Amino acid sequence: MGAKNAAARKARETSPMRAAKPDEVELWRSMAECWKRLKRGAQKNLTRSGLSVAELQILRVLREEGSSPMNRFCAETMLSQPTITGVVDKLEEARLVERVRSREDRREVLIAITPEGNDSFVKGMDLHREFLAKVLSVLQAGEVDAVSLLLKKLADASDAFVNASETTSVE
């Protein structure tokens, strides 16, 4: 089985298509692996503050946008509604957020950050910035700018593809 995998890998590496163009799937895998490892490192670092990455994201949204309905967090964090509910329950139990009724529509429940939540957010962000500074220190200033620019280009291209796909009907 090992010889078969080695032969397949060698065929991919020596393929004329490979020489002409990088393998998009391998690039995707590299980006996904990098993201996974960065997120794992960030999470491990954040445990010193008692927050998870998801909790920090929700507290960030509340600090930036004010009280929000729970469905607002899905778009901002890319987490599912059930996951958001569990994270908010945990934050509420720790008294970092509270559920409040909307003044405009008493049926709507909003999530609001508490003073303790604000303090936890500041501590968590300090730890997160420390982690990012340490990780990014392996890059030179020009490399940080280049990576940032390239990632933005890829994100914009992805959005353009998705938007074009949504306006094109499949027959």
N, C-alpha and C. Protein backbone atom coordinates (compact mmCIF):
# COMPACT_ATOMS: atom_id res chain seq x y z
N MET A 1 0.83 -1.20 0.00
CA MET A 1 0.00 0.00 0.00
C MET A 1 0.87 1.26 0.00
N GLY A 2 1.99 1.22 0.75
CA GLY A 2 2.89 2.37 0.82
C GLY A 2 3.52 2.68 -0.52
N ALA A 3 3.90 1.63 -1.28
CA ALA A 3 4.49 1.82 -2.60
C ALA A 3 3.50 2.45 -3.56
N LYS A 4 2.25 2.05 -3.46
CA LYS A 4 1.21 2.61 -4.32
C LYS A 4 1.03 4.10 -4.04
N ASN A 5 0.97 4.49 -2.74
CA ASN A 5 0.84 5.91 -2.37
C ASN A 5 2.04 6.71 -2.81
N ALA A 6 3.25 6.14 -2.66
CA ALA A 6 4.47 6.83 -3.08
C ALA A 6 4.47 7.05 -4.59
N ALA A 7 4.02 6.03 -5.34
CA ALA A 7 3.96 6.15 -6.80
C ALA A 7 2.96 7.22 -7.21
N ALA A 8 1.83 7.26 -6.55
CA ALA A 8 0.82 8.28 -6.86
C ALA A 8 1.34 9.67 -6.56
N ARG A 9 2.03 9.82 -5.41
CA ARG A 9 2.60 11.11 -5.05
C ARG A 9 3.64 11.54 -6.07
N LYS A 10 4.51 10.61 -6.48
CA LYS A 10 5.56 10.92 -7.46
C LYS A 10 4.92 11.33 -8.79
N ALA A 11 3.86 10.65 -9.19
CA ALA A 11 3.17 10.99 -10.43
C ALA A 11 2.60 12.41 -10.36
N ARG A 12 2.04 12.78 -9.20
CA ARG A 12 1.51 14.14 -9.04
C ARG A 12 2.63 15.16 -9.10
N GLU A 13 3.75 14.86 -8.43
CA GLU A 13 4.86 15.80 -8.36
C GLU A 13 5.54 16.00 -9.71
N THR A 14 5.55 14.99 -10.56
CA THR A 14 6.24 15.09 -11.84
C THR A 14 5.29 15.36 -12.99
N SER A 15 4.02 15.50 -12.71
CA SER A 15 3.03 15.77 -13.74
C SER A 15 3.34 17.07 -14.46
N PRO A 16 3.17 17.11 -15.80
CA PRO A 16 3.39 18.36 -16.54
C PRO A 16 2.48 19.48 -16.04
N MET A 17 1.28 19.15 -15.60
CA MET A 17 0.36 20.16 -15.06
C MET A 17 0.92 20.78 -13.79
N ARG A 18 1.60 19.98 -12.99
CA ARG A 18 2.16 20.47 -11.73
C ARG A 18 3.24 21.50 -12.00
N ALA A 19 4.06 21.27 -13.01
CA ALA A 19 5.14 22.20 -13.31
C ALA A 19 4.58 23.53 -13.80
N ALA A 20 3.48 23.47 -14.53
CA ALA A 20 2.91 24.69 -15.10
C ALA A 20 2.09 25.48 -14.09
N LYS A 21 1.49 24.78 -13.14
CA LYS A 21 0.56 25.45 -12.24
C LYS A 21 0.57 24.75 -10.89
N PRO A 22 0.64 25.50 -9.79
CA PRO A 22 0.61 24.85 -8.47
C PRO A 22 -0.72 24.12 -8.27
N ASP A 23 -0.68 23.10 -7.48
CA ASP A 23 -1.87 22.31 -7.19
C ASP A 23 -2.76 23.09 -6.23
N GLU A 24 -3.94 23.48 -6.71
CA GLU A 24 -4.87 24.28 -5.91
C GLU A 24 -5.32 23.54 -4.67
N VAL A 25 -5.52 22.22 -4.80
CA VAL A 25 -5.98 21.44 -3.65
C VAL A 25 -4.89 21.42 -2.57
N GLU A 26 -3.65 21.28 -2.96
CA GLU A 26 -2.56 21.29 -1.98
C GLU A 26 -2.45 22.66 -1.30
N LEU A 27 -2.65 23.72 -2.07
CA LEU A 27 -2.64 25.06 -1.48
C LEU A 27 -3.77 25.19 -0.47
N TRP A 28 -4.96 24.71 -0.85
CA TRP A 28 -6.12 24.73 0.06
C TRP A 28 -5.81 23.98 1.34
N ARG A 29 -5.23 22.79 1.19
CA ARG A 29 -4.88 21.99 2.37
C ARG A 29 -3.87 22.71 3.24
N SER A 30 -2.90 23.34 2.63
CA SER A 30 -1.89 24.08 3.40
C SER A 30 -2.52 25.23 4.18
N MET A 31 -3.43 25.96 3.52
CA MET A 31 -4.10 27.07 4.20
C MET A 31 -4.97 26.55 5.34
N ALA A 32 -5.70 25.47 5.09
CA ALA A 32 -6.57 24.90 6.12
C ALA A 32 -5.75 24.40 7.30
N GLU A 33 -4.63 23.73 7.02
CA GLU A 33 -3.76 23.23 8.08
C GLU A 33 -3.17 24.38 8.89
N CYS A 34 -2.74 25.43 8.20
CA CYS A 34 -2.21 26.61 8.89
C CYS A 34 -3.26 27.22 9.80
N TRP A 35 -4.49 27.39 9.27
CA TRP A 35 -5.58 27.96 10.07
C TRP A 35 -5.87 27.09 11.29
N LYS A 36 -5.91 25.78 11.08
CA LYS A 36 -6.20 24.85 12.18
C LYS A 36 -5.15 24.99 13.29
N ARG A 37 -3.90 25.05 12.90
CA ARG A 37 -2.83 25.13 13.88
C ARG A 37 -2.80 26.50 14.57
N LEU A 38 -3.06 27.56 13.81
CA LEU A 38 -3.13 28.89 14.43
C LEU A 38 -4.28 28.97 15.42
N LYS A 39 -5.43 28.44 15.02
CA LYS A 39 -6.61 28.48 15.91
C LYS A 39 -6.36 27.65 17.17
N ARG A 40 -5.72 26.48 17.00
CA ARG A 40 -5.40 25.64 18.16
C ARG A 40 -4.45 26.39 19.11
N GLY A 41 -3.45 27.05 18.56
CA GLY A 41 -2.52 27.82 19.38
C GLY A 41 -3.20 28.98 20.07
N ALA A 42 -4.06 29.67 19.34
CA ALA A 42 -4.80 30.80 19.93
C ALA A 42 -5.69 30.31 21.06
N GLN A 43 -6.36 29.18 20.85
CA GLN A 43 -7.24 28.63 21.88
C GLN A 43 -6.45 28.25 23.13
N LYS A 44 -5.33 27.58 22.91
CA LYS A 44 -4.50 27.17 24.05
C LYS A 44 -4.02 28.41 24.82
N ASN A 45 -3.61 29.43 24.10
CA ASN A 45 -3.15 30.66 24.74
C ASN A 45 -4.28 31.34 25.51
N LEU A 46 -5.49 31.36 24.92
CA LEU A 46 -6.63 32.03 25.55
C LEU A 46 -7.11 31.33 26.82
N THR A 47 -6.80 30.05 26.97
CA THR A 47 -7.26 29.35 28.17
C THR A 47 -6.73 30.02 29.43
N ARG A 48 -5.64 30.76 29.30
CA ARG A 48 -5.12 31.49 30.47
C ARG A 48 -6.08 32.57 30.94
N SER A 49 -6.95 33.03 30.04
CA SER A 49 -7.94 34.05 30.41
C SER A 49 -9.27 33.42 30.80
N GLY A 50 -9.40 32.11 30.58
CA GLY A 50 -10.66 31.44 30.87
C GLY A 50 -11.67 31.56 29.74
N LEU A 51 -11.26 32.10 28.59
CA LEU A 51 -12.16 32.27 27.45
C LEU A 51 -11.77 31.32 26.32
N SER A 52 -12.75 30.98 25.51
CA SER A 52 -12.48 30.25 24.26
C SER A 52 -12.43 31.27 23.13
N VAL A 53 -11.97 30.84 21.97
CA VAL A 53 -11.96 31.73 20.80
C VAL A 53 -13.38 32.18 20.49
N ALA A 54 -14.35 31.26 20.54
CA ALA A 54 -15.75 31.61 20.24
C ALA A 54 -16.28 32.63 21.25
N GLU A 55 -15.95 32.45 22.52
CA GLU A 55 -16.41 33.40 23.54
C GLU A 55 -15.81 34.78 23.30
N LEU A 56 -14.53 34.81 22.97
CA LEU A 56 -13.87 36.09 22.68
C LEU A 56 -14.52 36.76 21.47
N GLN A 57 -14.86 35.97 20.45
CA GLN A 57 -15.51 36.52 19.25
C GLN A 57 -16.86 37.14 19.62
N ILE A 58 -17.64 36.46 20.42
CA ILE A 58 -18.95 36.98 20.80
C ILE A 58 -18.81 38.25 21.64
N LEU A 59 -17.89 38.25 22.58
CA LEU A 59 -17.66 39.46 23.37
C LEU A 59 -17.19 40.62 22.49
N ARG A 60 -16.39 40.30 21.46
CA ARG A 60 -15.93 41.35 20.54
C ARG A 60 -17.11 41.97 19.80
N VAL A 61 -18.01 41.13 19.30
CA VAL A 61 -19.19 41.63 18.59
C VAL A 61 -20.01 42.53 19.51
N LEU A 62 -20.21 42.11 20.74
CA LEU A 62 -21.00 42.90 21.68
C LEU A 62 -20.33 44.23 22.00
N ARG A 63 -19.01 44.24 22.12
CA ARG A 63 -18.30 45.50 22.39
C ARG A 63 -18.38 46.44 21.20
N GLU A 64 -18.27 45.89 20.01
CA GLU A 64 -18.27 46.72 18.80
C GLU A 64 -19.67 47.17 18.38
N GLU A 65 -20.67 46.31 18.59
CA GLU A 65 -22.00 46.58 18.05
C GLU A 65 -23.05 46.85 19.11
N GLY A 66 -22.74 46.59 20.36
CA GLY A 66 -23.73 46.74 21.41
C GLY A 66 -24.61 45.51 21.50
N SER A 67 -25.65 45.59 22.28
CA SER A 67 -26.57 44.46 22.47
C SER A 67 -27.06 43.95 21.13
N SER A 68 -27.09 42.63 20.99
CA SER A 68 -27.44 42.02 19.71
C SER A 68 -28.28 40.77 19.93
N PRO A 69 -29.14 40.46 18.95
CA PRO A 69 -29.84 39.17 19.01
C PRO A 69 -28.85 38.04 18.71
N MET A 70 -29.13 36.85 19.19
CA MET A 70 -28.18 35.74 19.03
C MET A 70 -27.91 35.40 17.58
N ASN A 71 -28.88 35.53 16.70
CA ASN A 71 -28.64 35.17 15.30
C ASN A 71 -27.59 36.07 14.65
N ARG A 72 -27.33 37.22 15.21
CA ARG A 72 -26.29 38.13 14.70
C ARG A 72 -24.91 37.50 14.82
N PHE A 73 -24.69 36.68 15.83
CA PHE A 73 -23.37 36.09 16.08
C PHE A 73 -23.02 35.03 15.05
N CYS A 74 -24.01 34.39 14.45
CA CYS A 74 -23.73 33.34 13.46
C CYS A 74 -22.91 33.90 12.29
N ALA A 75 -23.34 35.02 11.74
CA ALA A 75 -22.63 35.61 10.61
C ALA A 75 -21.24 36.10 11.01
N GLU A 76 -21.12 36.63 12.20
CA GLU A 76 -19.85 37.20 12.65
C GLU A 76 -18.83 36.14 13.06
N THR A 77 -19.29 34.99 13.53
CA THR A 77 -18.36 34.00 14.07
C THR A 77 -18.26 32.73 13.23
N MET A 78 -19.16 32.55 12.27
CA MET A 78 -19.23 31.34 11.44
C MET A 78 -19.51 30.10 12.28
N LEU A 79 -20.21 30.28 13.39
CA LEU A 79 -20.63 29.17 14.24
C LEU A 79 -22.12 28.93 14.03
N SER A 80 -22.58 27.71 14.28
CA SER A 80 -23.99 27.39 14.11
C SER A 80 -24.81 27.97 15.27
N GLN A 81 -26.11 28.11 15.05
CA GLN A 81 -27.00 28.64 16.08
C GLN A 81 -26.95 27.81 17.36
N PRO A 82 -26.99 26.47 17.28
CA PRO A 82 -26.91 25.69 18.52
C PRO A 82 -25.59 25.92 19.27
N THR A 83 -24.49 26.05 18.54
CA THR A 83 -23.20 26.32 19.16
C THR A 83 -23.21 27.68 19.84
N ILE A 84 -23.76 28.68 19.14
CA ILE A 84 -23.86 30.04 19.70
C ILE A 84 -24.66 30.00 21.00
N THR A 85 -25.77 29.28 20.99
CA THR A 85 -26.61 29.19 22.19
C THR A 85 -25.82 28.63 23.36
N GLY A 86 -25.06 27.57 23.12
CA GLY A 86 -24.25 26.98 24.19
C GLY A 86 -23.17 27.92 24.69
N VAL A 87 -22.53 28.64 23.78
CA VAL A 87 -21.48 29.59 24.16
C VAL A 87 -22.09 30.74 24.97
N VAL A 88 -23.22 31.26 24.52
CA VAL A 88 -23.88 32.36 25.24
C VAL A 88 -24.34 31.88 26.61
N ASP A 89 -24.87 30.66 26.70
CA ASP A 89 -25.27 30.12 28.01
C ASP A 89 -24.08 30.09 28.96
N LYS A 90 -22.93 29.66 28.46
CA LYS A 90 -21.72 29.59 29.29
C LYS A 90 -21.26 31.00 29.71
N LEU A 91 -21.31 31.94 28.77
CA LEU A 91 -20.95 33.33 29.09
C LEU A 91 -21.91 33.93 30.11
N GLU A 92 -23.19 33.60 29.98
CA GLU A 92 -24.19 34.12 30.92
C GLU A 92 -23.96 33.51 32.30
N GLU A 93 -23.67 32.22 32.36
CA GLU A 93 -23.40 31.56 33.63
C GLU A 93 -22.20 32.19 34.34
N ALA A 94 -21.21 32.62 33.55
CA ALA A 94 -20.02 33.27 34.11
C ALA A 94 -20.25 34.77 34.37
N ARG A 95 -21.46 35.23 34.08
CA ARG A 95 -21.86 36.63 34.27
C ARG A 95 -21.07 37.61 33.38
N LEU A 96 -20.68 37.12 32.20
CA LEU A 96 -19.97 37.97 31.25
C LEU A 96 -20.93 38.61 30.25
N VAL A 97 -22.12 38.00 30.09
CA VAL A 97 -23.19 38.58 29.27
C VAL A 97 -24.50 38.37 30.02
N GLU A 98 -25.51 39.09 29.55
CA GLU A 98 -26.86 38.89 30.11
C GLU A 98 -27.87 38.99 28.98
N ARG A 99 -28.98 38.31 29.17
CA ARG A 99 -30.08 38.39 28.22
C ARG A 99 -31.01 39.51 28.67
N VAL A 100 -31.36 40.39 27.72
CA VAL A 100 -32.24 41.52 28.02
C VAL A 100 -33.30 41.62 26.93
N ARG A 101 -34.45 42.14 27.28
CA ARG A 101 -35.53 42.34 26.31
C ARG A 101 -35.26 43.61 25.50
N SER A 102 -35.57 43.53 24.22
CA SER A 102 -35.45 44.69 23.35
C SER A 102 -36.47 45.74 23.77
N ARG A 103 -36.09 46.99 23.73
CA ARG A 103 -37.03 48.07 24.06
C ARG A 103 -38.04 48.29 22.94
N GLU A 104 -37.60 48.01 21.69
CA GLU A 104 -38.47 48.21 20.54
C GLU A 104 -39.49 47.07 20.39
N ASP A 105 -39.06 45.86 20.68
CA ASP A 105 -39.92 44.68 20.52
C ASP A 105 -39.68 43.77 21.71
N ARG A 106 -40.56 43.80 22.67
CA ARG A 106 -40.38 43.06 23.92
C ARG A 106 -40.29 41.54 23.71
N ARG A 107 -40.70 41.08 22.52
CA ARG A 107 -40.58 39.64 22.23
C ARG A 107 -39.14 39.24 21.93
N GLU A 108 -38.35 40.22 21.50
CA GLU A 108 -36.96 39.94 21.10
C GLU A 108 -36.03 39.97 22.31
N VAL A 109 -35.20 38.94 22.41
CA VAL A 109 -34.21 38.86 23.49
C VAL A 109 -32.85 39.21 22.90
N LEU A 110 -32.18 40.15 23.53
CA LEU A 110 -30.85 40.57 23.10
C LEU A 110 -29.80 40.08 24.09
N ILE A 111 -28.59 39.97 23.62
CA ILE A 111 -27.47 39.61 24.48
C ILE A 111 -26.66 40.88 24.69
N ALA A 112 -26.35 41.19 25.94
CA ALA A 112 -25.59 42.39 26.29
C ALA A 112 -24.36 42.00 27.09
N ILE A 113 -23.27 42.71 26.87
CA ILE A 113 -22.04 42.45 27.61
C ILE A 113 -22.15 43.13 28.98
N THR A 114 -21.63 42.49 30.00
CA THR A 114 -21.62 43.05 31.36
C THR A 114 -20.25 43.71 31.61
N PRO A 115 -20.13 44.49 32.69
CA PRO A 115 -18.80 45.04 33.01
C PRO A 115 -17.75 43.94 33.20
N GLU A 116 -18.15 42.81 33.79
CA GLU A 116 -17.21 41.69 33.94
C GLU A 116 -16.83 41.12 32.59
N GLY A 117 -17.79 41.07 31.67
CA GLY A 117 -17.52 40.60 30.32
C GLY A 117 -16.56 41.53 29.59
N ASN A 118 -16.74 42.82 29.81
CA ASN A 118 -15.84 43.80 29.20
C ASN A 118 -14.41 43.59 29.72
N ASP A 119 -14.26 43.40 31.02
CA ASP A 119 -12.93 43.17 31.61
C ASP A 119 -12.31 41.88 31.06
N SER A 120 -13.11 40.83 30.96
CA SER A 120 -12.62 39.55 30.42
C SER A 120 -12.20 39.70 28.97
N PHE A 121 -12.97 40.47 28.21
CA PHE A 121 -12.63 40.70 26.81
C PHE A 121 -11.27 41.39 26.70
N VAL A 122 -11.06 42.43 27.48
CA VAL A 122 -9.79 43.17 27.43
C VAL A 122 -8.62 42.24 27.77
N LYS A 123 -8.77 41.43 28.81
CA LYS A 123 -7.70 40.49 29.18
C LYS A 123 -7.47 39.47 28.08
N GLY A 124 -8.56 38.94 27.52
CA GLY A 124 -8.45 37.96 26.44
C GLY A 124 -7.78 38.55 25.21
N MET A 125 -8.15 39.77 24.85
CA MET A 125 -7.54 40.40 23.68
C MET A 125 -6.06 40.70 23.90
N ASP A 126 -5.70 41.06 25.12
CA ASP A 126 -4.27 41.27 25.42
C ASP A 126 -3.49 39.98 25.20
N LEU A 127 -4.03 38.86 25.68
CA LEU A 127 -3.37 37.57 25.47
C LEU A 127 -3.35 37.19 23.99
N HIS A 128 -4.43 37.47 23.29
CA HIS A 128 -4.51 37.14 21.87
C HIS A 128 -3.50 37.97 21.07
N ARG A 129 -3.40 39.25 21.37
CA ARG A 129 -2.42 40.11 20.68
C ARG A 129 -0.99 39.63 20.95
N GLU A 130 -0.74 39.21 22.19
CA GLU A 130 0.57 38.67 22.56
C GLU A 130 0.89 37.43 21.72
N PHE A 131 -0.08 36.53 21.59
CA PHE A 131 0.09 35.32 20.79
C PHE A 131 0.37 35.68 19.33
N LEU A 132 -0.45 36.57 18.77
CA LEU A 132 -0.28 36.95 17.37
C LEU A 132 1.07 37.62 17.12
N ALA A 133 1.48 38.49 18.02
CA ALA A 133 2.78 39.16 17.87
C ALA A 133 3.91 38.13 17.85
N LYS A 134 3.83 37.15 18.74
CA LYS A 134 4.87 36.12 18.81
C LYS A 134 4.88 35.29 17.53
N VAL A 135 3.72 34.85 17.08
CA VAL A 135 3.64 34.03 15.88
C VAL A 135 4.10 34.82 14.65
N LEU A 136 3.62 36.04 14.51
CA LEU A 136 3.96 36.84 13.33
C LEU A 136 5.39 37.35 13.34
N SER A 137 6.06 37.25 14.48
CA SER A 137 7.44 37.74 14.56
C SER A 137 8.39 36.93 13.68
N VAL A 138 7.98 35.75 13.22
CA VAL A 138 8.84 34.96 12.32
C VAL A 138 8.83 35.54 10.91
N LEU A 139 7.90 36.45 10.63
CA LEU A 139 7.82 37.09 9.31
C LEU A 139 8.42 38.49 9.37
N GLN A 140 8.97 38.91 8.24
CA GLN A 140 9.44 40.29 8.14
C GLN A 140 8.24 41.17 7.83
N ALA A 141 8.39 42.48 8.08
CA ALA A 141 7.27 43.41 7.88
C ALA A 141 6.67 43.29 6.48
N GLY A 142 7.49 43.23 5.47
CA GLY A 142 6.99 43.10 4.11
C GLY A 142 6.23 41.81 3.88
N GLU A 143 6.64 40.74 4.55
CA GLU A 143 5.95 39.46 4.43
C GLU A 143 4.57 39.52 5.07
N VAL A 144 4.47 40.18 6.21
CA VAL A 144 3.16 40.33 6.87
C VAL A 144 2.21 41.09 5.94
N ASP A 145 2.69 42.16 5.35
CA ASP A 145 1.87 42.93 4.42
C ASP A 145 1.46 42.10 3.21
N ALA A 146 2.42 41.32 2.68
CA ALA A 146 2.14 40.50 1.50
C ALA A 146 1.11 39.42 1.83
N VAL A 147 1.26 38.74 2.95
CA VAL A 147 0.29 37.71 3.34
C VAL A 147 -1.09 38.34 3.51
N SER A 148 -1.15 39.47 4.17
CA SER A 148 -2.42 40.15 4.38
C SER A 148 -3.08 40.51 3.06
N LEU A 149 -2.32 41.05 2.14
CA LEU A 149 -2.84 41.42 0.82
C LEU A 149 -3.32 40.19 0.05
N LEU A 150 -2.52 39.13 0.06
CA LEU A 150 -2.89 37.91 -0.67
C LEU A 150 -4.14 37.26 -0.09
N LEU A 151 -4.26 37.22 1.22
CA LEU A 151 -5.46 36.65 1.84
C LEU A 151 -6.70 37.48 1.49
N LYS A 152 -6.55 38.80 1.47
CA LYS A 152 -7.68 39.65 1.09
C LYS A 152 -8.08 39.40 -0.36
N LYS A 153 -7.10 39.26 -1.24
CA LYS A 153 -7.40 38.97 -2.65
C LYS A 153 -8.16 37.65 -2.79
N LEU A 154 -7.71 36.63 -2.06
CA LEU A 154 -8.38 35.33 -2.12
C LEU A 154 -9.81 35.43 -1.57
N ALA A 155 -9.99 36.14 -0.46
CA ALA A 155 -11.33 36.29 0.12
C ALA A 155 -12.25 37.04 -0.85
N ASP A 156 -11.74 38.10 -1.46
CA ASP A 156 -12.54 38.86 -2.43
C ASP A 156 -12.91 38.01 -3.64
N ALA A 157 -11.94 37.20 -4.12
CA ALA A 157 -12.21 36.32 -5.26
C ALA A 157 -13.27 35.28 -4.90
N SER A 158 -13.20 34.75 -3.69
CA SER A 158 -14.20 33.78 -3.24
C SER A 158 -15.58 34.43 -3.18
N ASP A 159 -15.66 35.64 -2.61
CA ASP A 159 -16.94 36.35 -2.54
C ASP A 159 -17.49 36.60 -3.94
N ALA A 160 -16.62 37.02 -4.87
CA ALA A 160 -17.06 37.30 -6.24
C ALA A 160 -17.60 36.02 -6.89
N PHE A 161 -16.92 34.90 -6.68
CA PHE A 161 -17.36 33.63 -7.25
C PHE A 161 -18.73 33.24 -6.68
N VAL A 162 -18.87 33.33 -5.35
CA VAL A 162 -20.13 32.97 -4.71
C VAL A 162 -21.25 33.89 -5.19
N ASN A 163 -20.99 35.18 -5.26
CA ASN A 163 -22.02 36.12 -5.70
C ASN A 163 -22.42 35.87 -7.15
N ALA A 164 -21.44 35.56 -8.00
CA ALA A 164 -21.75 35.26 -9.40
C ALA A 164 -22.54 33.96 -9.51
N SER A 165 -22.21 32.98 -8.68
CA SER A 165 -22.93 31.71 -8.68
C SER A 165 -24.37 31.87 -8.24
N GLU A 166 -24.61 32.81 -7.31
CA GLU A 166 -25.96 33.02 -6.81
C GLU A 166 -26.85 33.68 -7.85
N THR A 167 -26.24 34.45 -8.76
CA THR A 167 -27.05 35.13 -9.78
C THR A 167 -27.21 34.31 -11.05
N THR A 168 -26.44 33.22 -11.15
CA THR A 168 -26.53 32.34 -12.30
C THR A 168 -27.35 31.13 -11.94
N SER A 169 -28.39 30.88 -12.72
CA SER A 169 -29.22 29.72 -12.41
C SER A 169 -28.64 28.48 -13.09
N VAL A 170 -28.76 27.38 -12.41
CA VAL A 170 -28.31 26.10 -12.94
C VAL A 170 -29.50 25.43 -13.61
N GLU A 171 -29.31 25.01 -14.85
CA GLU A 171 -30.43 24.38 -15.57
C GLU A 171 -30.30 22.90 -15.60
